[in-house]
Each structure stands twice: as C-alpha cells, then as structure tokens.
Amino acid sequence: MAAIVVTVCTGAPWLVMAELPATPQELDPVPMISIPAGQFLMGNPEGTGRADEWPQRSVYLDAFAIDQVEVTNERYRAFVVATGHRDPPNPYGTGPLTSIQGIGELPVVQTTWYDAKAYCGWAKKRLPTEAEWEKAARGTDGRRFPWGDEPPTSKRANFDREWADERTLHPVGSLPEGDSPYGVKDLAGNAREWVSDWYDPDYYRHAPTKNPQGPDKKGVVRAIRGGSWHSPLADITTSARGRGGFALQTHGTGFRCVRSLEGDALKR
C-alpha cells in the first residue's frame, strides 16, 4: 500500500498531500525494537564481573533497531531457500534439520559467524556491535540482567541446563519476564548471539566512547554475547563477554540482526 504524508503549513489552513512509493516488503518480517540514541553504562567497575568487562564506561550510541527475538529455524530456512545458503547442522538427530518437526520457533543454532553475517545482509540488516547488543539488553541504568538486578529464574531465562534434544531450547519470546527494559527478548540464555566485533579482552580500556565498533584488528575470534541454555549464571549477565572463531558451530550459538536508524556511522 502506498503511504500518504500530510504537511500542515502555519498561517494557511491548507494541506499538501503527496503519495510516496510503497515501502519494500521486508524479507525478514520480524518485529524490531527501536533503541533511542544516547548514553548508557557499558561494562563493569573494576573488581566486579570479569577483567574483560573493565572498566565501566559511559558510551554514546546512535539510534538503531534490533530484532525483538533471535532468528528462528523457520526464518533461517526462508533465507536458505531464497539464497541457496547451506543449512546448519542438525543438533537434534542424524537426518537433515528439515526432517525435525516442531522446531520452527526455536532459535537457529550451529550457525557460524559467516552464516549470521550472510543472513543479516540478505535481510538488509547487519549484526549488532557489542555496544548495541549490551544497550538493548541493559538499558541505561547499568542493570546486571535484562530484567533488573534480581537473580535469574526459569521464568526469566533458559540457562544452566543439560542437553535434552528438542526440549532444550525454548521457543523465542516465550519468557516475557526476562525482557529487557526496551522489550527485547531472550537476551539472557537460550542461545548465545554472534555480534560484529572482533574480540579483544582489553578493548574497553582504550575504546572510543561514541559508537564503538570493536577493535581494529584481524584474527579469527569474534565476540559472542548473552549466554546459552547451558551457560552458568555468570555468563548470562548483560555485561558478560564470550568469544569464538569464525567457523565455530555449537548447539548454543545463534544470532539476531540490527538496522541503523540515523546516519551512516554504523552501516557496514
């Protein structure tokens, strides 16, 4: 459907109406949550958490939008069909992933960093930076978990469990008590999430405080955030940093995408 824009001119009671081209259909029609521009507290004060989270800094980010939930098997399959990209390995059995019923709303896992980047590019989005991911998870008050500072429960996060095939991962968005202050879901536990940054344990000590995009280095290790169904409590905090090689494929690693809302600073 075409959009209508209305402009009201002060001092003359008339309207100018113009018909704009239709908005292109989203290839990945998942709800996205807008995160406003501004400052937030990133990392932890020295002596709290782990050394790679130090020091805590006030970081400014431009506005962006982030997928409300992790990419699911169903959405990833649409990408595979459209592009010919390979399916991820099946963590639930020996046959192809498409042979397993009832997993469409579970987060896709066993995706490499390259798989995640390719999906987000196909959807005309990108992987979040570590800073974007952390702001979406903790808001502006430095909270320990997406829901606040209270300890996690099974109603807030899927974590610290053993593998139980199709019963291990939860359908995306099924634990609303664990939502972040912006309403972003599943940012603690369930599936760990690839982000765009190279991983450097000392990056926070010299990183820029405006739109940090990760260290300018080459290597094979990228950052991963959020913890998984198997992670202990310390790994599902909003500040906890994980890492993995480009080709890492595990039963607990997936991703979600973001899109810039202003400027070109973070477009890749």
C-alpha atoms as a PDB file:
ATOM      1  CA  MET A   1       0.000   0.000   0.000  1.00  0.00           C
ATOM      2  CA  ALA A   2       1.290   3.481  -0.825  1.00  0.00           C
ATOM      3  CA  ALA A   3       1.974   5.855   2.047  1.00  0.00           C
ATOM      4  CA  ILE A   4       0.338   9.273   2.469  1.00  0.00           C
ATOM      5  CA  VAL A   5       2.244  12.145   4.029  1.00  0.00           C
ATOM      6  CA  VAL A   6       0.437  15.239   5.258  1.00  0.00           C
ATOM      7  CA  THR A   7       2.178  18.615   5.685  1.00  0.00           C
ATOM      8  CA  VAL A   8       0.432  21.397   7.578  1.00  0.00           C
ATOM      9  CA  CYS A   9       1.538  24.961   6.688  1.00  0.00           C
ATOM     10  CA  THR A  10       1.344  27.517   9.520  1.00  0.00           C
ATOM     11  CA  GLY A  11      -0.768  30.601   8.693  1.00  0.00           C
ATOM     12  CA  ALA A  12      -2.563  28.969   5.787  1.00  0.00           C
ATOM     13  CA  PRO A  13      -5.217  26.364   6.567  1.00  0.00           C
ATOM     14  CA  TRP A  14      -4.432  24.015   3.714  1.00  0.00           C
ATOM     15  CA  LEU A  15      -2.887  20.599   3.379  1.00  0.00           C
ATOM     16  CA  VAL A  16      -0.393  19.325   0.863  1.00  0.00           C
ATOM     17  CA  MET A  17      -0.807  15.603   0.289  1.00  0.00           C
ATOM     18  CA  ALA A  18       1.751  13.543  -1.575  1.00  0.00           C
ATOM     19  CA  GLU A  19       1.768   9.866  -2.450  1.00  0.00           C
ATOM     20  CA  LEU A  20       5.053   8.119  -1.711  1.00  0.00           C
ATOM     21  CA  PRO A  21       6.319   4.858  -3.191  1.00  0.00           C
ATOM     22  CA  ALA A  22       5.321   1.736  -1.319  1.00  0.00           C
ATOM     23  CA  THR A  23       7.794   0.523   1.294  1.00  0.00           C
ATOM     24  CA  PRO A  24       9.605  -2.595   0.027  1.00  0.00           C
ATOM     25  CA  GLN A  25       8.400  -5.785   1.699  1.00  0.00           C
ATOM     26  CA  GLU A  26      10.669  -6.997   4.471  1.00  0.00           C
ATOM     27  CA  LEU A  27      12.495 -10.212   3.650  1.00  0.00           C
ATOM     28  CA  ASP A  28      12.689 -10.892   7.393  1.00  0.00           C
ATOM     29  CA  PRO A  29       9.335  -9.662   8.775  1.00  0.00           C
ATOM     30  CA  VAL A  30      10.196  -9.956  12.455  1.00  0.00           C
ATOM     31  CA  PRO A  31       9.251  -7.172  14.895  1.00  0.00           C
ATOM     32  CA  MET A  32      12.157  -4.818  15.544  1.00  0.00           C
ATOM     33  CA  ILE A  33      12.557  -2.667  18.654  1.00  0.00           C
ATOM     34  CA  SER A  34      13.834   0.903  18.318  1.00  0.00           C
ATOM     35  CA  ILE A  35      16.624   1.786  20.742  1.00  0.00           C
ATOM     36  CA  PRO A  36      16.938   5.574  21.109  1.00  0.00           C
ATOM     37  CA  ALA A  37      20.178   7.461  20.708  1.00  0.00           C
ATOM     38  CA  GLY A  38      22.004   8.388  23.892  1.00  0.00           C
ATOM     39  CA  GLN A  39      24.358   7.307  26.646  1.00  0.00           C
ATOM     40  CA  PHE A  40      24.377   4.034  28.570  1.00  0.00           C
ATOM     41  CA  LEU A  41      26.709   2.304  31.045  1.00  0.00           C
ATOM     42  CA  MET A  42      28.775  -0.410  29.360  1.00  0.00           C
ATOM     43  CA  GLY A  43      30.911  -2.971  31.167  1.00  0.00           C
ATOM     44  CA  ASN A  44      31.545  -3.277  34.900  1.00  0.00           C
ATOM     45  CA  PRO A  45      33.547  -1.367  37.517  1.00  0.00           C
ATOM     46  CA  GLU A  46      36.905  -2.982  38.220  1.00  0.00           C
ATOM     47  CA  GLY A  47      36.514  -5.746  40.770  1.00  0.00           C
ATOM     48  CA  THR A  48      33.002  -6.650  39.551  1.00  0.00           C
ATOM     49  CA  GLY A  49      32.500  -9.318  36.913  1.00  0.00           C
ATOM     50  CA  ARG A  50      35.450 -10.343  34.740  1.00  0.00           C
ATOM     51  CA  ALA A  51      38.546  -8.421  33.719  1.00  0.00           C
ATOM     52  CA  ASP A  52      37.495  -8.184  30.066  1.00  0.00           C
ATOM     53  CA  GLU A  53      34.422  -6.181  31.193  1.00  0.00           C
ATOM     54  CA  TRP A  54      36.571  -3.467  32.808  1.00  0.00           C
ATOM     55  CA  PRO A  55      36.424  -0.530  33.123  1.00  0.00           C
ATOM     56  CA  GLN A  56      32.801   0.538  33.082  1.00  0.00           C
ATOM     57  CA  ARG A  57      32.296   3.455  30.684  1.00  0.00           C
ATOM     58  CA  SER A  58      29.527   5.794  29.598  1.00  0.00           C
ATOM     59  CA  VAL A  59      29.067   5.097  25.883  1.00  0.00           C
ATOM     60  CA  TYR A  60      27.005   7.070  23.355  1.00  0.00           C
ATOM     61  CA  LEU A  61      25.205   5.208  20.563  1.00  0.00           C
ATOM     62  CA  ASP A  62      23.197   6.493  17.622  1.00  0.00           C
ATOM     63  CA  ALA A  63      19.646   5.171  17.366  1.00  0.00           C
ATOM     64  CA  PHE A  64      19.180   1.684  15.953  1.00  0.00           C
ATOM     65  CA  ALA A  65      16.567  -1.058  15.742  1.00  0.00           C
ATOM     66  CA  ILE A  66      17.146  -4.633  16.880  1.00  0.00           C
ATOM     67  CA  ASP A  67      15.212  -7.827  16.190  1.00  0.00           C
ATOM     68  CA  GLN A  68      12.883  -8.452  19.121  1.00  0.00           C
ATOM     69  CA  VAL A  69      13.765 -12.150  19.122  1.00  0.00           C
ATOM     70  CA  GLU A  70      16.571 -14.403  17.939  1.00  0.00           C
ATOM     71  CA  VAL A  71      16.483 -15.703  14.371  1.00  0.00           C
ATOM     72  CA  THR A  72      14.428 -18.909  14.308  1.00  0.00           C
ATOM     73  CA  ASN A  73      14.796 -22.121  12.348  1.00  0.00           C
ATOM     74  CA  GLU A  74      11.756 -21.131  10.280  1.00  0.00           C
ATOM     75  CA  ARG A  75      13.169 -17.713   9.368  1.00  0.00           C
ATOM     76  CA  TYR A  76      16.601 -19.138   8.653  1.00  0.00           C
ATOM     77  CA  ARG A  77      15.059 -21.750   6.372  1.00  0.00           C
ATOM     78  CA  ALA A  78      13.412 -18.980   4.322  1.00  0.00           C
ATOM     79  CA  PHE A  79      16.872 -17.465   3.860  1.00  0.00           C
ATOM     80  CA  VAL A  80      18.307 -20.825   2.773  1.00  0.00           C
ATOM     81  CA  VAL A  81      15.528 -21.340   0.228  1.00  0.00           C
ATOM     82  CA  ALA A  82      15.914 -17.814  -1.147  1.00  0.00           C
ATOM     83  CA  THR A  83      19.709 -17.800  -1.412  1.00  0.00           C
ATOM     84  CA  GLY A  84      20.901 -21.396  -1.618  1.00  0.00           C
ATOM     85  CA  HIS A  85      22.972 -20.916   1.541  1.00  0.00           C
ATOM     86  CA  ARG A  86      23.686 -24.146   3.378  1.00  0.00           C
ATOM     87  CA  ASP A  87      21.507 -25.398   6.211  1.00  0.00           C
ATOM     88  CA  PRO A  88      23.172 -25.528   9.629  1.00  0.00           C
ATOM     89  CA  PRO A  89      23.955 -28.994  11.042  1.00  0.00           C
ATOM     90  CA  ASN A  90      21.078 -30.703  12.793  1.00  0.00           C
ATOM     91  CA  PRO A  91      21.655 -30.722  16.572  1.00  0.00           C
ATOM     92  CA  TYR A  92      18.611 -32.943  17.189  1.00  0.00           C
ATOM     93  CA  GLY A  93      19.464 -36.092  15.235  1.00  0.00           C
ATOM     94  CA  THR A  94      21.220 -37.607  12.261  1.00  0.00           C
ATOM     95  CA  GLY A  95      18.894 -36.523   9.447  1.00  0.00           C
ATOM     96  CA  PRO A  96      18.645 -33.068   7.859  1.00  0.00           C
ATOM     97  CA  LEU A  97      17.354 -30.255  10.043  1.00  0.00           C
ATOM     98  CA  THR A  98      14.253 -30.019   7.843  1.00  0.00           C
ATOM     99  CA  SER A  99      13.261 -33.545   8.899  1.00  0.00           C
ATOM    100  CA  ILE A 100      12.628 -32.463  12.508  1.00  0.00           C
ATOM    101  CA  GLN A 101       9.079 -31.353  13.290  1.00  0.00           C
ATOM    102  CA  GLY A 102       8.031 -28.667  15.757  1.00  0.00           C
ATOM    103  CA  ILE A 103      11.270 -26.666  15.870  1.00  0.00           C
ATOM    104  CA  GLY A 104      10.297 -23.733  13.644  1.00  0.00           C
ATOM    105  CA  GLU A 105      10.075 -21.241  16.523  1.00  0.00           C
ATOM    106  CA  LEU A 106      13.233 -22.394  18.263  1.00  0.00           C
ATOM    107  CA  PRO A 107      16.294 -20.205  17.690  1.00  0.00           C
ATOM    108  CA  VAL A 108      18.529 -21.456  14.923  1.00  0.00           C
ATOM    109  CA  VAL A 109      21.860 -22.671  16.339  1.00  0.00           C
ATOM    110  CA  GLN A 110      25.088 -24.117  14.999  1.00  0.00           C
ATOM    111  CA  THR A 111      25.453 -21.093  12.752  1.00  0.00           C
ATOM    112  CA  THR A 112      28.929 -19.730  12.109  1.00  0.00           C
ATOM    113  CA  TRP A 113      29.755 -16.021  12.259  1.00  0.00           C
ATOM    114  CA  TYR A 114      29.797 -16.063   8.456  1.00  0.00           C
ATOM    115  CA  ASP A 115      26.305 -17.616   8.373  1.00  0.00           C
ATOM    116  CA  ALA A 116      24.970 -14.939  10.718  1.00  0.00           C
ATOM    117  CA  LYS A 117      26.560 -12.125   8.706  1.00  0.00           C
ATOM    118  CA  ALA A 118      25.172 -13.544   5.452  1.00  0.00           C
ATOM    119  CA  TYR A 119      21.652 -13.798   6.867  1.00  0.00           C
ATOM    120  CA  CYS A 120      21.638 -10.243   8.176  1.00  0.00           C
ATOM    121  CA  GLY A 121      22.984  -8.960   4.862  1.00  0.00           C
ATOM    122  CA  TRP A 122      20.255 -10.809   2.959  1.00  0.00           C
ATOM    123  CA  ALA A 123      17.646  -9.212   5.247  1.00  0.00           C
ATOM    124  CA  LYS A 124      19.196  -5.762   4.581  1.00  0.00           C
ATOM    125  CA  LYS A 125      20.308  -5.563   8.184  1.00  0.00           C
ATOM    126  CA  ARG A 126      23.613  -6.273   9.942  1.00  0.00           C
ATOM    127  CA  LEU A 127      24.991  -7.903  13.058  1.00  0.00           C
ATOM    128  CA  PRO A 128      24.905  -5.696  16.169  1.00  0.00           C
ATOM    129  CA  THR A 129      28.047  -4.298  17.698  1.00  0.00           C
ATOM    130  CA  GLU A 130      28.853  -5.403  21.231  1.00  0.00           C
ATOM    131  CA  ALA A 131      27.814  -1.954  22.435  1.00  0.00           C
ATOM    132  CA  GLU A 132      24.456  -2.087  20.638  1.00  0.00           C
ATOM    133  CA  TRP A 133      23.754  -5.554  21.968  1.00  0.00           C
ATOM    134  CA  GLU A 134      24.597  -4.507  25.531  1.00  0.00           C
ATOM    135  CA  LYS A 135      22.480  -1.352  25.438  1.00  0.00           C
ATOM    136  CA  ALA A 136      19.499  -3.298  24.092  1.00  0.00           C
ATOM    137  CA  ALA A 137      19.973  -5.784  26.944  1.00  0.00           C
ATOM    138  CA  ARG A 138      20.549  -3.495  29.932  1.00  0.00           C
ATOM    139  CA  GLY A 139      19.127  -0.073  29.105  1.00  0.00           C
ATOM    140  CA  THR A 140      20.751   2.984  30.655  1.00  0.00           C
ATOM    141  CA  ASP A 141      20.892   2.056  34.352  1.00  0.00           C
ATOM    142  CA  GLY A 142      23.716  -0.498  34.308  1.00  0.00           C
ATOM    143  CA  ARG A 143      21.499  -3.396  35.365  1.00  0.00           C
ATOM    144  CA  ARG A 144      23.033  -6.845  35.792  1.00  0.00           C
ATOM    145  CA  PHE A 145      20.390  -8.771  33.831  1.00  0.00           C
ATOM    146  CA  PRO A 146      17.899  -7.633  31.183  1.00  0.00           C
ATOM    147  CA  TRP A 147      15.040  -7.654  33.711  1.00  0.00           C
ATOM    148  CA  GLY A 148      16.993  -5.908  36.505  1.00  0.00           C
ATOM    149  CA  ASP A 149      19.331  -6.966  39.299  1.00  0.00           C
ATOM    150  CA  GLU A 150      17.217  -9.812  40.708  1.00  0.00           C
ATOM    151  CA  PRO A 151      18.643 -13.336  40.294  1.00  0.00           C
ATOM    152  CA  PRO A 152      17.537 -15.323  37.238  1.00  0.00           C
ATOM    153  CA  THR A 153      14.786 -17.920  37.469  1.00  0.00           C
ATOM    154  CA  SER A 154      13.420 -20.440  34.971  1.00  0.00           C
ATOM    155  CA  LYS A 155      10.698 -17.897  34.129  1.00  0.00           C
ATOM    156  CA  ARG A 156      13.265 -15.266  33.191  1.00  0.00           C
ATOM    157  CA  ALA A 157      15.983 -17.216  31.399  1.00  0.00           C
ATOM    158  CA  ASN A 158      16.737 -20.618  29.896  1.00  0.00           C
ATOM    159  CA  PHE A 159      20.194 -21.403  31.324  1.00  0.00           C
ATOM    160  CA  ASP A 160      22.343 -23.876  33.296  1.00  0.00           C
ATOM    161  CA  ARG A 161      20.722 -26.975  31.793  1.00  0.00           C
ATOM    162  CA  GLU A 162      21.821 -30.198  30.116  1.00  0.00           C
ATOM    163  CA  TRP A 163      21.014 -31.030  26.518  1.00  0.00           C
ATOM    164  CA  ALA A 164      17.565 -32.623  26.069  1.00  0.00           C
ATOM    165  CA  ASP A 165      17.153 -32.599  22.273  1.00  0.00           C
ATOM    166  CA  GLU A 166      14.127 -30.610  21.067  1.00  0.00           C
ATOM    167  CA  ARG A 167      13.176 -29.725  24.660  1.00  0.00           C
ATOM    168  CA  THR A 168      16.422 -27.858  25.341  1.00  0.00           C
ATOM    169  CA  LEU A 169      15.894 -24.538  23.576  1.00  0.00           C
ATOM    170  CA  HIS A 170      12.750 -22.535  24.263  1.00  0.00           C
ATOM    171  CA  PRO A 171      10.596 -21.009  21.516  1.00  0.00           C
ATOM    172  CA  VAL A 172      11.720 -17.419  21.020  1.00  0.00           C
ATOM    173  CA  GLY A 173       9.872 -14.848  23.112  1.00  0.00           C
ATOM    174  CA  SER A 174       8.341 -17.422  25.456  1.00  0.00           C
ATOM    175  CA  LEU A 175       9.802 -15.967  28.692  1.00  0.00           C
ATOM    176  CA  PRO A 176       8.397 -12.410  28.874  1.00  0.00           C
ATOM    177  CA  GLU A 177       9.561 -11.999  32.491  1.00  0.00           C
ATOM    178  CA  GLY A 178      13.086 -11.878  31.090  1.00  0.00           C
ATOM    179  CA  ASP A 179      12.501  -8.963  28.695  1.00  0.00           C
ATOM    180  CA  SER A 180      14.950  -6.071  28.618  1.00  0.00           C
ATOM    181  CA  PRO A 181      13.795  -2.527  29.541  1.00  0.00           C
ATOM    182  CA  TYR A 182      13.099  -1.914  25.839  1.00  0.00           C
ATOM    183  CA  GLY A 183      11.091  -5.105  25.416  1.00  0.00           C
ATOM    184  CA  VAL A 184      13.814  -7.092  23.634  1.00  0.00           C
ATOM    185  CA  LYS A 185      13.508 -10.798  24.407  1.00  0.00           C
ATOM    186  CA  ASP A 186      15.844 -13.706  25.159  1.00  0.00           C
ATOM    187  CA  LEU A 187      18.988 -11.665  25.732  1.00  0.00           C
ATOM    188  CA  ALA A 188      19.979 -13.907  28.657  1.00  0.00           C
ATOM    189  CA  GLY A 189      20.333 -17.613  27.959  1.00  0.00           C
ATOM    190  CA  ASN A 190      18.609 -19.788  25.335  1.00  0.00           C
ATOM    191  CA  ALA A 191      21.083 -19.130  22.506  1.00  0.00           C
ATOM    192  CA  ARG A 192      24.323 -17.163  22.619  1.00  0.00           C
ATOM    193  CA  GLU A 193      24.452 -14.490  19.921  1.00  0.00           C
ATOM    194  CA  TRP A 194      27.138 -13.510  17.452  1.00  0.00           C
ATOM    195  CA  VAL A 195      27.976  -9.810  17.228  1.00  0.00           C
ATOM    196  CA  SER A 196      30.092  -7.995  14.670  1.00  0.00           C
ATOM    197  CA  ASP A 197      33.117  -7.082  16.824  1.00  0.00           C
ATOM    198  CA  TRP A 198      36.485  -8.724  16.914  1.00  0.00           C
ATOM    199  CA  TYR A 199      37.124  -9.931  20.462  1.00  0.00           C
ATOM    200  CA  ASP A 200      39.865  -8.216  22.473  1.00  0.00           C
ATOM    201  CA  PRO A 201      39.942  -8.703  26.269  1.00  0.00           C
ATOM    202  CA  ASP A 202      41.498  -5.246  26.752  1.00  0.00           C
ATOM    203  CA  TYR A 203      39.360  -3.313  24.283  1.00  0.00           C
ATOM    204  CA  TYR A 204      37.321  -1.385  26.866  1.00  0.00           C
ATOM    205  CA  ARG A 205      40.472   0.288  28.237  1.00  0.00           C
ATOM    206  CA  HIS A 206      41.047   2.253  25.037  1.00  0.00           C
ATOM    207  CA  ALA A 207      37.790   2.002  23.074  1.00  0.00           C
ATOM    208  CA  PRO A 208      36.027   5.136  21.820  1.00  0.00           C
ATOM    209  CA  THR A 209      33.032   6.260  23.847  1.00  0.00           C
ATOM    210  CA  LYS A 210      30.911   7.085  20.787  1.00  0.00           C
ATOM    211  CA  ASN A 211      29.602   4.290  18.549  1.00  0.00           C
ATOM    212  CA  PRO A 212      32.412   1.791  19.313  1.00  0.00           C
ATOM    213  CA  GLN A 213      32.642  -0.850  16.625  1.00  0.00           C
ATOM    214  CA  GLY A 214      35.197  -3.156  18.182  1.00  0.00           C
ATOM    215  CA  PRO A 215      38.970  -3.332  17.861  1.00  0.00           C
ATOM    216  CA  ASP A 216      40.557  -2.631  14.502  1.00  0.00           C
ATOM    217  CA  LYS A 217      42.402  -5.922  14.191  1.00  0.00           C
ATOM    218  CA  LYS A 218      42.424  -9.123  12.255  1.00  0.00           C
ATOM    219  CA  GLY A 219      42.269 -12.647  13.556  1.00  0.00           C
ATOM    220  CA  VAL A 220      39.821 -15.495  13.920  1.00  0.00           C
ATOM    221  CA  VAL A 221      37.957 -14.652  17.133  1.00  0.00           C
ATOM    222  CA  ARG A 222      34.704 -12.680  17.256  1.00  0.00           C
ATOM    223  CA  ALA A 223      32.647 -11.672  20.270  1.00  0.00           C
ATOM    224  CA  ILE A 224      29.545 -13.594  21.360  1.00  0.00           C
ATOM    225  CA  ARG A 225      27.018 -12.280  23.872  1.00  0.00           C
ATOM    226  CA  GLY A 226      24.132 -13.422  26.067  1.00  0.00           C
ATOM    227  CA  GLY A 227      24.940 -16.958  27.180  1.00  0.00           C
ATOM    228  CA  SER A 228      23.009 -20.102  26.238  1.00  0.00           C
ATOM    229  CA  TRP A 229      20.816 -22.855  27.669  1.00  0.00           C
ATOM    230  CA  HIS A 230      23.998 -24.434  29.092  1.00  0.00           C
ATOM    231  CA  SER A 231      25.641 -21.298  30.495  1.00  0.00           C
ATOM    232  CA  PRO A 232      26.132 -20.671  34.230  1.00  0.00           C
ATOM    233  CA  LEU A 233      24.734 -17.538  35.833  1.00  0.00           C
ATOM    234  CA  ALA A 234      27.959 -15.567  35.335  1.00  0.00           C
ATOM    235  CA  ASP A 235      27.686 -15.971  31.551  1.00  0.00           C
ATOM    236  CA  ILE A 236      24.134 -14.633  31.147  1.00  0.00           C
ATOM    237  CA  THR A 237      24.672 -11.179  32.642  1.00  0.00           C
ATOM    238  CA  THR A 238      24.264  -8.165  30.371  1.00  0.00           C
ATOM    239  CA  SER A 239      27.984  -7.406  30.535  1.00  0.00           C
ATOM    240  CA  ALA A 240      29.414 -10.933  30.114  1.00  0.00           C
ATOM    241  CA  ARG A 241      31.564 -11.355  27.009  1.00  0.00           C
ATOM    242  CA  GLY A 242      32.086 -14.608  25.138  1.00  0.00           C
ATOM    243  CA  ARG A 243      34.161 -15.354  22.067  1.00  0.00           C
ATOM    244  CA  GLY A 244      34.535 -17.852  19.275  1.00  0.00           C
ATOM    245  CA  GLY A 245      36.281 -18.453  15.968  1.00  0.00           C
ATOM    246  CA  PHE A 246      34.555 -17.628  12.690  1.00  0.00           C
ATOM    247  CA  ALA A 247      33.767 -21.267  11.961  1.00  0.00           C
ATOM    248  CA  LEU A 248      32.536 -22.136  15.467  1.00  0.00           C
ATOM    249  CA  GLN A 249      29.309 -24.135  15.394  1.00  0.00           C
ATOM    250  CA  THR A 250      27.729 -25.117  18.690  1.00  0.00           C
ATOM    251  CA  HIS A 251      24.318 -26.244  19.906  1.00  0.00           C
ATOM    252  CA  GLY A 252      24.070 -22.957  21.803  1.00  0.00           C
ATOM    253  CA  THR A 253      25.087 -20.229  19.344  1.00  0.00           C
ATOM    254  CA  GLY A 254      22.680 -18.236  17.169  1.00  0.00           C
ATOM    255  CA  PHE A 255      22.136 -14.549  16.431  1.00  0.00           C
ATOM    256  CA  ARG A 256      19.808 -11.624  15.769  1.00  0.00           C
ATOM    257  CA  CYS A 257      20.156  -8.598  13.480  1.00  0.00           C
ATOM    258  CA  VAL A 258      20.014  -4.808  13.773  1.00  0.00           C
ATOM    259  CA  ARG A 259      19.475  -1.842  11.475  1.00  0.00           C
ATOM    260  CA  SER A 260      20.771   1.740  11.786  1.00  0.00           C
ATOM    261  CA  LEU A 261      18.112   4.409  12.239  1.00  0.00           C
ATOM    262  CA  GLU A 262      20.203   7.526  11.761  1.00  0.00           C
ATOM    263  CA  GLY A 263      23.401   8.450   9.987  1.00  0.00           C
ATOM    264  CA  ASP A 264      25.879   6.173   8.314  1.00  0.00           C
ATOM    265  CA  ALA A 265      28.327   5.676  11.180  1.00  0.00           C
ATOM    266  CA  LEU A 266      27.395   2.060  11.841  1.00  0.00           C
ATOM    267  CA  LYS A 267      26.350   0.891   8.384  1.00  0.00           C
ATOM    268  CA  ARG A 268      28.572  -1.884   7.072  1.00  0.00           C
END
